[in-house]
Protein backbone atom coordinates (compact mmCIF):
# COMPACT_ATOMS: atom_id res chain seq x y z
CA MET A 1 106.73 169.53 231.07
CA LEU A 2 106.71 171.98 233.97
CA ASN A 3 103.40 173.08 235.39
CA ARG A 4 101.61 174.98 232.63
CA VAL A 5 100.24 177.59 235.02
CA ARG A 6 103.72 178.32 236.33
CA SER A 7 105.02 178.63 232.77
CA ALA A 8 102.25 181.03 231.83
CA VAL A 9 102.95 183.20 234.87
CA ALA A 10 106.68 183.17 234.09
CA HIS A 11 105.90 184.26 230.53
CA LEU A 12 103.77 187.15 231.70
CA VAL A 13 106.44 188.28 234.13
CA SER A 14 109.27 187.98 231.61
CA SER A 15 107.45 189.60 228.70
CA GLY A 16 108.45 193.06 229.84
CA GLY A 17 112.17 192.42 229.69
CA ALA A 18 114.61 190.51 227.54
CA PRO A 19 116.56 187.52 228.82
CA PRO A 20 120.35 187.87 228.96
CA PRO A 21 122.27 186.65 225.92
CA ARG A 22 123.40 183.04 226.19
CA PRO A 23 126.90 182.22 224.93
CA LYS A 24 127.20 179.02 223.00
CA SER A 25 128.82 176.03 224.61
CA PRO A 26 132.06 174.66 223.22
CA ASP A 27 132.10 171.40 221.33
CA LEU A 28 133.27 168.16 222.89
CA SER A 29 136.57 168.73 224.61
CA ASN A 30 139.56 167.02 223.01
CA ALA A 31 137.30 165.33 220.45
CA PRO A 32 138.85 164.93 216.99
CA SER A 33 136.84 166.50 214.23
CA ALA A 34 134.71 164.21 212.11
CA GLN A 35 135.18 163.53 208.44
CA PRO A 36 131.59 164.23 207.49
CA ALA A 37 129.81 162.66 204.56
CA VAL A 38 128.04 165.99 204.07
CA PRO A 39 129.32 169.57 204.37
CA ALA A 40 130.29 170.61 207.87
CA GLU A 41 127.53 171.89 210.11
CA ALA A 42 126.78 175.53 209.44
CA PRO A 43 125.93 178.06 212.13
CA ARG A 44 122.35 178.20 213.31
CA SER A 45 119.84 180.34 211.48
CA PRO A 46 120.84 183.94 212.17
CA PRO A 47 119.15 185.69 215.08
CA ALA A 48 116.31 187.96 214.10
CA ARG A 49 116.81 191.70 214.63
CA ALA A 50 114.24 194.18 215.75
CA GLY A 51 114.90 196.39 212.75
CA SER A 52 117.23 196.87 209.83
CA GLY A 53 118.56 200.23 210.99
CA SER A 54 121.80 200.53 212.94
CA SER A 55 120.10 202.70 215.57
CA ALA A 56 118.28 199.73 217.13
CA PRO A 57 119.17 199.44 220.82
CA ALA A 58 121.85 196.86 221.54
CA LYS A 59 119.68 195.37 224.27
CA THR A 60 116.98 194.47 221.74
CA VAL A 61 119.45 192.74 219.45
CA GLU A 62 120.93 190.78 222.36
CA ALA A 63 117.46 189.64 223.38
CA ARG A 64 116.84 188.17 219.95
CA ALA A 65 120.27 186.51 219.86
CA SER A 66 119.06 183.98 222.43
CA PHE A 67 116.55 182.56 219.93
CA SER A 68 117.71 180.25 217.16
CA ARG A 69 116.17 177.63 214.93
CA PRO A 70 117.65 174.52 213.24
CA THR A 71 120.24 175.27 210.57
CA PHE A 72 118.48 173.23 207.91
CA LEU A 73 115.48 175.61 207.97
CA GLN A 74 117.77 178.27 206.40
CA LEU A 75 115.69 181.07 207.90
CA SER A 76 116.45 184.67 207.01
CA PRO A 77 116.18 187.31 209.75
CA GLY A 78 112.65 188.01 208.56
CA GLY A 79 111.80 184.32 208.55
CA LEU A 80 113.17 183.97 212.05
CA ARG A 81 110.90 186.77 213.22
CA ARG A 82 107.91 185.00 211.69
CA ALA A 83 108.95 181.75 213.35
CA ASP A 84 109.01 183.56 216.71
CA ASP A 85 105.51 185.05 216.32
CA HIS A 86 103.11 183.55 218.87
CA ALA A 87 100.10 185.21 217.28
CA GLY A 88 100.57 184.04 213.69
CA ARG A 89 102.16 180.65 214.50
CA ALA A 90 103.42 180.16 210.94
CA VAL A 91 104.51 176.61 210.11
CA GLN A 92 108.21 176.39 209.23
CA SER A 93 109.80 173.80 206.91
CA PRO A 94 113.09 173.58 204.98
CA PRO A 95 112.93 175.54 201.71
CA ASP A 96 112.13 173.59 198.55
CA THR A 97 115.45 174.39 196.87
CA GLY A 98 116.38 170.91 195.63
CA ARG A 99 118.81 170.28 198.47
CA ARG A 100 116.75 168.10 200.76
CA LEU A 101 117.34 166.52 204.11
CA PRO A 102 118.85 163.01 204.05
CA TRP A 103 116.42 160.31 202.87
CA SER A 104 114.09 163.10 201.62
CA THR A 105 113.05 163.50 205.25
CA GLY A 106 110.13 165.81 205.88
CA TYR A 107 110.17 168.34 208.72
CA ALA A 108 107.80 170.99 210.04
CA GLU A 109 107.52 172.99 213.24
CA VAL A 110 105.45 175.74 214.82
CA ILE A 111 105.93 177.89 217.90
CA ASN A 112 103.66 177.69 220.93
CA ALA A 113 100.70 179.97 221.57
CA GLY A 114 102.42 181.92 224.35
CA LYS A 115 103.35 179.13 226.73
CA SER A 116 107.01 180.19 226.69
CA ARG A 117 108.86 183.22 225.41
CA HIS A 118 110.47 181.39 222.48
CA ASN A 119 110.15 178.04 220.74
CA GLU A 120 111.96 175.69 223.12
CA ASP A 121 111.96 172.73 220.69
CA GLN A 122 115.11 172.06 218.68
CA ALA A 123 115.88 169.59 215.90
CA CYS A 124 118.91 168.09 214.18
CA CYS A 125 119.36 165.98 211.04
CA GLU A 126 122.88 164.84 210.12
CA VAL A 127 124.93 162.28 208.25
CA VAL A 128 127.87 161.48 210.52
CA TYR A 129 131.12 159.74 209.56
CA VAL A 130 132.83 157.62 212.22
CA GLU A 131 136.51 156.82 211.86
CA GLY A 132 137.73 153.92 213.98
CA ARG A 133 139.91 154.82 216.92
CA ARG A 134 142.10 151.74 216.51
CA SER A 135 141.98 148.18 215.33
CA VAL A 136 140.71 145.44 217.60
CA SER A 137 144.24 144.08 217.89
CA GLY A 138 145.44 147.40 219.26
CA VAL A 139 147.68 148.19 216.28
CA PRO A 140 146.99 151.72 214.96
CA ARG A 141 145.51 151.82 211.47
CA GLU A 142 146.25 154.17 208.63
CA PRO A 143 143.35 156.66 208.39
CA SER A 144 141.04 155.66 205.58
CA ARG A 145 137.49 156.71 204.89
CA GLY A 146 136.82 153.25 203.52
CA GLN A 147 137.40 151.74 206.96
CA GLY A 148 134.92 153.95 208.75
CA LEU A 149 131.16 153.94 209.12
CA CYS A 150 128.41 156.43 208.38
CA PHE A 151 125.25 156.73 210.38
CA TYR A 152 122.16 158.81 209.70
CA TYR A 153 120.86 160.80 212.61
CA TRP A 154 117.63 162.61 213.49
CA GLY A 155 116.94 164.29 216.83
CA LEU A 156 114.04 166.17 218.42
CA PHE A 157 114.68 168.01 221.69
CA ASP A 158 111.76 169.44 223.65
CA GLY A 159 113.07 172.03 226.09
CA HIS A 160 111.47 173.16 229.32
CA ALA A 161 112.30 176.01 231.70
CA GLY A 162 114.36 177.54 228.89
CA GLY A 163 115.77 176.45 225.56
CA GLY A 164 119.46 176.20 226.45
CA ALA A 165 119.58 172.45 227.11
CA ALA A 166 117.65 171.62 223.93
CA GLU A 167 119.89 173.80 221.79
CA MET A 168 123.06 172.34 223.30
CA ALA A 169 121.84 168.76 222.84
CA SER A 170 120.84 169.43 219.23
CA ARG A 171 124.39 170.57 218.45
CA LEU A 172 126.37 167.98 220.38
CA LEU A 173 124.52 164.73 221.10
CA HIS A 174 125.29 163.19 217.69
CA ARG A 175 128.96 163.95 218.29
CA HIS A 176 128.85 162.08 221.58
CA ILE A 177 127.30 159.12 219.71
CA ARG A 178 130.11 159.32 217.17
CA GLU A 179 132.71 159.22 219.95
CA GLN A 180 131.08 156.15 221.49
CA LEU A 181 131.06 154.35 218.14
CA LYS A 182 134.75 154.92 217.38
CA ASP A 183 135.86 151.81 219.26
CA LEU A 184 133.19 149.74 217.49
CA VAL A 185 133.92 150.48 213.81
CA GLU A 186 135.96 147.35 213.09
CA ILE A 187 133.89 145.20 215.48
CA LEU A 188 130.59 146.10 213.79
CA GLN A 189 132.07 145.30 210.37
CA ASP A 190 133.24 141.88 211.54
CA PRO A 191 130.51 139.19 211.59
CA SER A 192 132.26 137.27 214.39
CA PRO A 193 131.12 137.82 218.01
CA PRO A 194 132.47 140.98 219.69
CA PRO A 195 135.68 140.54 221.72
CA LEU A 196 135.30 140.46 225.47
CA CYS A 197 138.06 143.04 226.06
CA LEU A 198 139.80 145.72 224.03
CA PRO A 199 143.51 146.51 224.46
CA SER A 200 144.03 149.38 226.87
CA THR A 201 146.84 150.92 224.82
CA PRO A 202 147.90 150.70 221.16
CA GLY A 203 150.23 147.76 220.62
CA ALA A 204 149.28 146.04 223.85
CA THR A 205 148.64 142.35 223.63
CA GLY A 206 145.23 141.16 224.58
CA SER A 207 142.95 138.24 224.15
CA SER A 208 139.26 137.98 223.62
CA ASP A 209 139.37 134.50 225.16
CA PRO A 210 138.20 134.76 228.80
CA SER A 211 139.47 131.29 229.74
CA HIS A 212 142.74 132.61 231.19
CA LEU A 213 140.81 134.76 233.67
CA VAL A 214 139.05 131.92 235.45
CA GLY A 215 140.08 128.65 237.00
CA PRO A 216 139.04 125.33 235.47
CA GLN A 217 136.58 124.70 238.30
CA SER A 218 134.98 128.13 238.15
CA CYS A 219 131.23 128.26 237.72
CA TRP A 220 131.69 131.49 235.70
CA SER A 221 133.52 129.85 232.83
CA SER A 222 130.75 130.49 230.30
CA GLN A 223 130.66 133.80 228.44
CA LYS A 224 127.46 135.75 227.87
CA GLU A 225 126.43 136.31 224.30
CA VAL A 226 126.73 139.94 223.26
CA THR A 227 125.33 141.05 219.91
CA HIS A 228 126.51 143.85 217.66
CA GLU A 229 123.08 145.40 218.05
CA SER A 230 123.49 145.62 221.82
CA LEU A 231 126.84 147.38 221.35
CA VAL A 232 125.15 150.14 219.35
CA VAL A 233 122.40 150.41 221.97
CA GLY A 234 125.06 150.75 224.68
CA ALA A 235 126.90 153.41 222.68
CA ILE A 236 123.71 155.48 222.40
CA GLU A 237 122.95 155.08 226.11
CA ASN A 238 126.48 156.16 227.05
CA ALA A 239 126.25 159.15 224.71
CA PHE A 240 123.12 160.36 226.51
CA GLN A 241 124.91 160.06 229.85
CA PHE A 242 127.99 161.96 228.66
CA MET A 243 125.77 164.65 227.14
CA ASP A 244 124.01 165.06 230.47
CA GLU A 245 127.34 165.23 232.32
CA GLN A 246 128.58 167.91 229.93
CA MET A 247 125.46 169.95 230.63
CA ALA A 248 126.16 169.62 234.37
CA ARG A 249 129.74 170.85 233.95
CA GLU A 250 128.86 173.79 231.73
CA ARG A 251 125.53 174.90 233.12
CA ARG A 252 126.95 177.93 234.92
CA GLY A 253 129.54 179.26 232.50
CA HIS A 254 127.33 178.83 229.44
CA GLN A 255 123.91 179.37 231.01
CA VAL A 256 122.54 175.99 229.91
CA GLU A 257 119.25 176.59 231.65
CA GLY A 258 116.43 174.11 232.03
CA GLY A 259 116.34 170.65 230.56
CA CYS A 260 114.95 168.83 227.55
CA CYS A 261 113.31 165.62 226.47
CA ALA A 262 115.29 163.87 223.75
CA LEU A 263 114.01 161.63 220.95
CA VAL A 264 116.78 160.37 218.67
CA VAL A 265 116.89 158.06 215.66
CA VAL A 266 120.11 156.46 214.41
CA TYR A 267 120.24 154.42 211.21
CA LEU A 268 123.32 152.19 211.08
CA LEU A 269 124.06 149.04 209.08
CA GLY A 270 120.48 148.26 208.13
CA LYS A 271 118.88 148.92 211.51
CA VAL A 272 117.00 151.87 212.97
CA TYR A 273 117.64 152.66 216.63
CA VAL A 274 115.04 154.87 218.32
CA ALA A 275 116.17 156.31 221.66
CA ASN A 276 113.65 158.18 223.80
CA ALA A 277 114.14 160.02 227.08
CA GLY A 278 111.00 162.02 227.84
CA ASP A 279 107.45 162.35 226.55
CA SER A 280 108.04 162.73 222.81
CA ARG A 281 106.91 159.81 220.66
CA ALA A 282 107.89 157.82 217.58
CA ILE A 283 105.70 155.46 215.56
CA ILE A 284 106.14 153.55 212.32
CA VAL A 285 103.20 153.50 209.92
CA ARG A 286 103.75 150.50 207.64
CA ASN A 287 101.05 149.43 205.21
CA GLY A 288 98.48 151.06 207.49
CA GLU A 289 99.79 149.20 210.56
CA ILE A 290 100.99 151.23 213.55
CA ILE A 291 104.21 150.08 215.22
CA PRO A 292 105.09 151.99 218.44
CA MET A 293 108.81 152.77 218.60
CA SER A 294 108.87 154.56 221.96
CA ARG A 295 106.92 155.10 225.14
CA GLU A 296 106.45 158.24 227.19
CA PHE A 297 108.34 158.52 230.48
CA THR A 298 106.05 160.29 232.94
CA PRO A 299 105.49 160.15 236.70
CA GLU A 300 102.70 157.63 236.08
CA THR A 301 104.58 155.30 233.72
CA GLU A 302 107.67 155.33 235.96
CA ARG A 303 105.95 155.38 239.34
CA GLN A 304 107.60 152.21 240.61
CA ARG A 305 111.13 153.32 239.67
CA LEU A 306 110.61 156.64 241.41
CA GLN A 307 109.13 155.03 244.50
CA LEU A 308 111.99 152.52 244.69
CA LEU A 309 114.55 155.33 244.62
CA GLY A 310 112.64 157.18 247.35
CA PHE A 311 112.47 153.97 249.41
CA LEU A 312 116.19 153.19 249.04
CA LYS A 313 117.34 156.79 249.59
CA PRO A 314 114.78 158.49 251.87
CA GLU A 315 117.16 161.43 252.32
CA LEU A 316 116.21 162.50 248.79
CA LEU A 317 112.68 163.10 250.09
CA GLY A 318 113.92 165.50 252.76
CA GLY A 319 111.19 164.58 255.22
CA GLU A 320 108.74 166.49 253.00
CA PHE A 321 107.50 163.67 250.75
CA THR A 322 106.38 160.07 251.08
CA HIS A 323 107.31 157.48 248.48
CA LEU A 324 103.95 155.74 248.95
CA GLU A 325 101.01 156.43 246.66
CA PHE A 326 97.45 156.97 247.88
CA PRO A 327 94.30 157.58 245.83
CA ARG A 328 94.23 161.13 247.22
CA ARG A 329 96.00 163.34 249.74
CA ILE A 330 95.65 162.09 253.33
CA GLN A 331 93.83 164.34 255.83
CA PRO A 332 95.02 164.60 259.47
CA LYS A 333 91.62 163.47 260.71
CA GLU A 334 92.18 160.14 258.89
CA LEU A 335 95.11 159.08 261.08
CA GLY A 336 94.59 155.52 262.31
CA GLN A 337 92.12 154.66 259.55
CA ARG A 338 92.86 152.12 256.85
CA MET A 339 93.22 153.52 253.32
CA LEU A 340 94.18 152.20 249.91
CA TYR A 341 97.86 152.53 249.01
CA ARG A 342 100.60 151.01 246.88
CA ASP A 343 104.38 151.02 247.07
CA GLN A 344 107.30 150.36 244.73
CA ASN A 345 106.59 146.63 244.60
CA MET A 346 102.90 146.86 243.75
CA THR A 347 100.86 147.33 240.61
CA GLY A 348 97.59 146.72 242.46
CA TRP A 349 96.19 148.36 245.59
CA ALA A 350 95.92 147.27 249.24
CA TYR A 351 94.89 148.81 252.57
CA LYS A 352 97.21 150.11 255.26
CA LYS A 353 96.79 151.92 258.57
CA ILE A 354 97.48 155.63 258.11
CA GLU A 355 100.44 156.86 260.16
CA LEU A 356 101.81 160.34 260.77
CA GLU A 357 104.49 160.14 258.06
CA ASP A 358 101.81 159.30 255.50
CA LEU A 359 100.57 162.90 255.78
CA ARG A 360 103.59 164.06 253.79
CA PHE A 361 103.15 165.16 250.19
CA PRO A 362 103.24 162.21 247.76
CA LEU A 363 106.35 161.78 245.62
CA VAL A 364 104.09 161.22 242.59
CA CYS A 365 100.88 163.27 242.54
CA GLY A 366 98.18 163.99 239.99
CA GLU A 367 97.26 161.94 236.95
CA GLY A 368 97.51 162.17 233.19
CA LYS A 369 99.19 165.33 231.89
CA LYS A 370 98.85 166.83 235.38
CA ALA A 371 100.99 164.15 237.07
CA ARG A 372 104.11 165.60 238.69
CA VAL A 373 107.25 164.41 240.46
CA MET A 374 107.49 166.23 243.80
CA ALA A 375 104.77 168.58 242.51
CA THR A 376 107.34 170.06 240.14
CA ILE A 377 107.93 168.36 236.78
CA GLY A 378 105.87 166.14 234.52
CA VAL A 379 108.60 164.06 232.83
CA THR A 380 110.94 161.55 234.43
CA ARG A 381 113.68 161.20 231.81
CA GLY A 382 115.62 163.76 229.85
CA LEU A 383 118.79 165.81 229.69
CA GLY A 384 119.75 168.74 231.91
CA ASP A 385 117.65 170.10 234.80
CA HIS A 386 120.71 170.10 237.05
CA ASN A 387 119.60 173.28 238.81
CA LEU A 388 115.96 172.29 239.23
CA LYS A 389 114.71 172.33 242.81
CA VAL A 390 111.37 171.56 244.40
CA CYS A 391 109.32 174.75 244.61
CA SER A 392 110.07 176.66 247.85
CA SER A 393 112.63 174.02 248.81
CA THR A 394 116.29 173.13 248.41
CA LEU A 395 115.53 169.53 247.43
CA PRO A 396 116.99 168.72 243.97
CA ILE A 397 114.75 167.00 241.43
CA LYS A 398 117.57 165.55 239.34
CA PRO A 399 118.10 162.26 241.24
CA PHE A 400 114.60 161.25 240.16
CA LEU A 401 115.15 162.33 236.53
CA SER A 402 117.11 159.76 234.52
CA CYS A 403 119.15 160.77 231.49
CA PHE A 404 119.16 157.22 230.10
CA PRO A 405 116.88 156.56 227.12
CA GLU A 406 114.94 153.49 226.22
CA VAL A 407 116.25 152.25 222.87
CA ARG A 408 114.09 150.22 220.48
CA VAL A 409 115.44 148.61 217.32
CA TYR A 410 113.76 148.10 213.96
CA ASP A 411 115.49 145.98 211.30
CA LEU A 412 114.79 147.57 207.92
CA THR A 413 116.18 144.59 206.06
CA GLN A 414 113.43 142.28 207.34
CA TYR A 415 110.63 143.99 205.40
CA GLU A 416 109.89 145.16 201.89
CA HIS A 417 108.89 148.78 202.38
CA CYS A 418 106.89 150.91 200.00
CA PRO A 419 107.20 154.71 199.64
CA ASP A 420 104.19 155.20 201.95
CA ASP A 421 105.88 153.50 204.92
CA VAL A 422 107.20 156.17 207.28
CA LEU A 423 108.67 156.72 210.72
CA VAL A 424 106.98 159.72 212.41
CA LEU A 425 108.75 161.56 215.24
CA GLY A 426 106.91 164.25 217.19
CA THR A 427 107.30 166.27 220.36
CA ASP A 428 104.43 166.13 222.83
CA GLY A 429 102.85 169.18 221.20
CA LEU A 430 101.70 166.80 218.46
CA TRP A 431 100.63 163.87 220.61
CA ASP A 432 98.74 165.92 223.21
CA VAL A 433 95.90 166.36 220.72
CA THR A 434 96.57 163.68 218.07
CA SER A 435 96.32 159.90 218.46
CA ASP A 436 98.42 157.30 216.68
CA CYS A 437 95.40 156.33 214.58
CA GLU A 438 94.80 159.94 213.53
CA VAL A 439 98.43 160.24 212.48
CA ALA A 440 98.15 157.04 210.45
CA ALA A 441 95.01 158.38 208.75
CA THR A 442 96.82 161.61 207.88
CA VAL A 443 99.73 159.61 206.48
CA ASP A 444 97.38 157.75 204.15
CA ARG A 445 95.42 160.86 203.14
CA VAL A 446 98.40 163.09 202.37
CA LEU A 447 100.77 160.61 200.75
CA SER A 448 98.04 159.24 198.47
CA ALA A 449 97.67 162.72 196.99
CA TYR A 450 101.30 162.72 195.74
CA GLU A 451 103.21 160.62 193.26
CA PRO A 452 105.30 157.96 195.00
CA ASN A 453 108.54 159.39 193.57
CA ASP A 454 107.79 162.99 194.66
CA PRO A 455 110.25 163.72 197.49
CA SER A 456 108.27 166.77 198.64
CA ARG A 457 105.44 164.50 199.83
CA TYR A 458 107.13 163.89 203.20
CA THR A 459 107.50 167.61 203.95
CA ALA A 460 103.84 168.05 203.00
CA LEU A 461 102.94 165.27 205.44
CA ALA A 462 104.96 166.85 208.25
CA GLN A 463 103.22 170.18 207.61
CA ALA A 464 99.80 168.52 207.61
CA LEU A 465 100.51 166.86 210.96
CA VAL A 466 101.66 170.14 212.51
CA LEU A 467 98.69 172.08 211.11
CA GLY A 468 96.29 169.39 212.28
CA ALA A 469 97.61 169.62 215.84
CA ARG A 470 97.87 173.41 215.89
CA GLY A 471 94.36 174.10 214.66
CA THR A 472 93.08 177.45 213.43
CA PRO A 473 92.70 180.72 215.36
CA ARG A 474 89.20 181.52 216.61
CA ASP A 475 87.68 183.79 219.21
CA ARG A 476 88.55 181.36 221.99
CA GLY A 477 92.05 180.39 220.94
CA TRP A 478 93.39 177.79 218.52
CA ARG A 479 90.73 175.22 217.70
CA LEU A 480 90.57 171.89 215.91
CA PRO A 481 87.80 171.10 213.38
CA ASN A 482 85.79 169.46 216.20
CA ASN A 483 86.08 172.75 218.14
CA LYS A 484 88.33 171.19 220.78
CA LEU A 485 91.42 173.12 221.80
CA GLY A 486 94.40 172.66 219.52
CA SER A 487 97.90 172.26 220.88
CA GLY A 488 99.23 175.43 222.47
CA ASP A 489 102.67 173.87 222.84
CA ASP A 490 105.65 173.97 220.49
CA ILE A 491 105.15 171.28 217.83
CA SER A 492 108.01 169.65 215.89
CA VAL A 493 107.66 166.70 213.51
CA PHE A 494 110.06 164.58 211.43
CA VAL A 495 108.69 162.22 208.76
CA ILE A 496 111.32 159.67 207.69
CA PRO A 497 110.48 157.50 204.65
CA LEU A 498 111.38 153.83 205.04
CA GLY A 499 111.01 152.85 201.39
CA GLY A 500 111.07 154.34 197.95
CA PRO A 501 113.06 157.51 197.14
CA GLY A 502 115.91 158.21 199.51
CA SER A 503 115.57 154.87 201.27
CA TYR A 504 118.44 152.93 202.79
CA SER A 505 120.91 151.05 200.64
């Protein structure tokens, strides 16, 4: 996340005026429409209005039009106003109307305590149908729903410096994943190893046998083993990249401001794929055991990657930063002395003689939640941020921010899951004040209070997690039961059951 002080100042400055309305971005260009397994995606929850009368100033209505929440919350204009109230911080969940999210998924969210003007988190939950683009042989197939695939999709998007990137990603990233899977429909349904090459055009002849490409004496005659699982991982990685490129193309015309961390779950053919780019987190709680399904990407966890990029391309540092890390900022009077340092190749520390260029600002500075890249941003992977520059500089941050996620895979068919086994997804608003063990304890406490076949138990668990991280209002802000500060950030949580009602088939 961006520096909290800077965000607070920006909020105070912007509170007197409304941001300009942000037009929505178009869908994927030239992308055929899906044949969904559920009704087509409805528009976002309607923007809240300042009043019911027609005499309300147009400027006020436009200001509210820039704020939207996930469609599945089904918020009325009044509900949207409550969701946008920093003082009350009401927890929002889908209505208990009998039409639940896929797999009886639980969801809850709450706005921040004034950190940003609106809730910059976004969420998406979809069932997506993928129709194959062509057969492996290159011969076009007759369209048939029976030949396609369905995947279940959940996404949390934690925006920063504005909510535009998070909103765009929540509407389009699953469609990019669908596009990447179109070439794989028949391959994933075939137990034989994936072909090495696909025909370039329908009807073209091709061969999956690589032997004709190499001479008999070639040392490259063996073919690497590629699994179906790795094809799905590659499709998700490519989808993140194409989503980021679309944001770059449309950032001016559609005002896709800021960037977002992205945490995505795809269930396909018995396996759960968890893709994370940012500092959100996913864990599985199975029979009381905690299984991490992601890791946070911060300046500290990715120090060596950042330093290597700065070492290989020093022009990205602009003569203002050093890629080396020191225990603290070097003082001019320390020139010529020997001080502890480490570079892109080191996990430990060593001593070096301080030179003039070492006086530059460190590429990675601070520690913990205060760690920053180029003293600007506290995450190292995510989508967007194409306009982000170093403060008081023209140096772009983006080369150091990767859009590629880390994807972890969990095979649901390898375990016998009970209704209390869940996958918990949360933005950093949850994890800033809640540990994995505390989440597991809440899972046990809440789910044990409900019947195993009660589908509302997972929404109740999501609400309990959000309330536990938010705290209660007191004289000195939002406080937890131990009187420590609760999370002042936006908090969004998905609870996905892995067994029992609504489980995979």
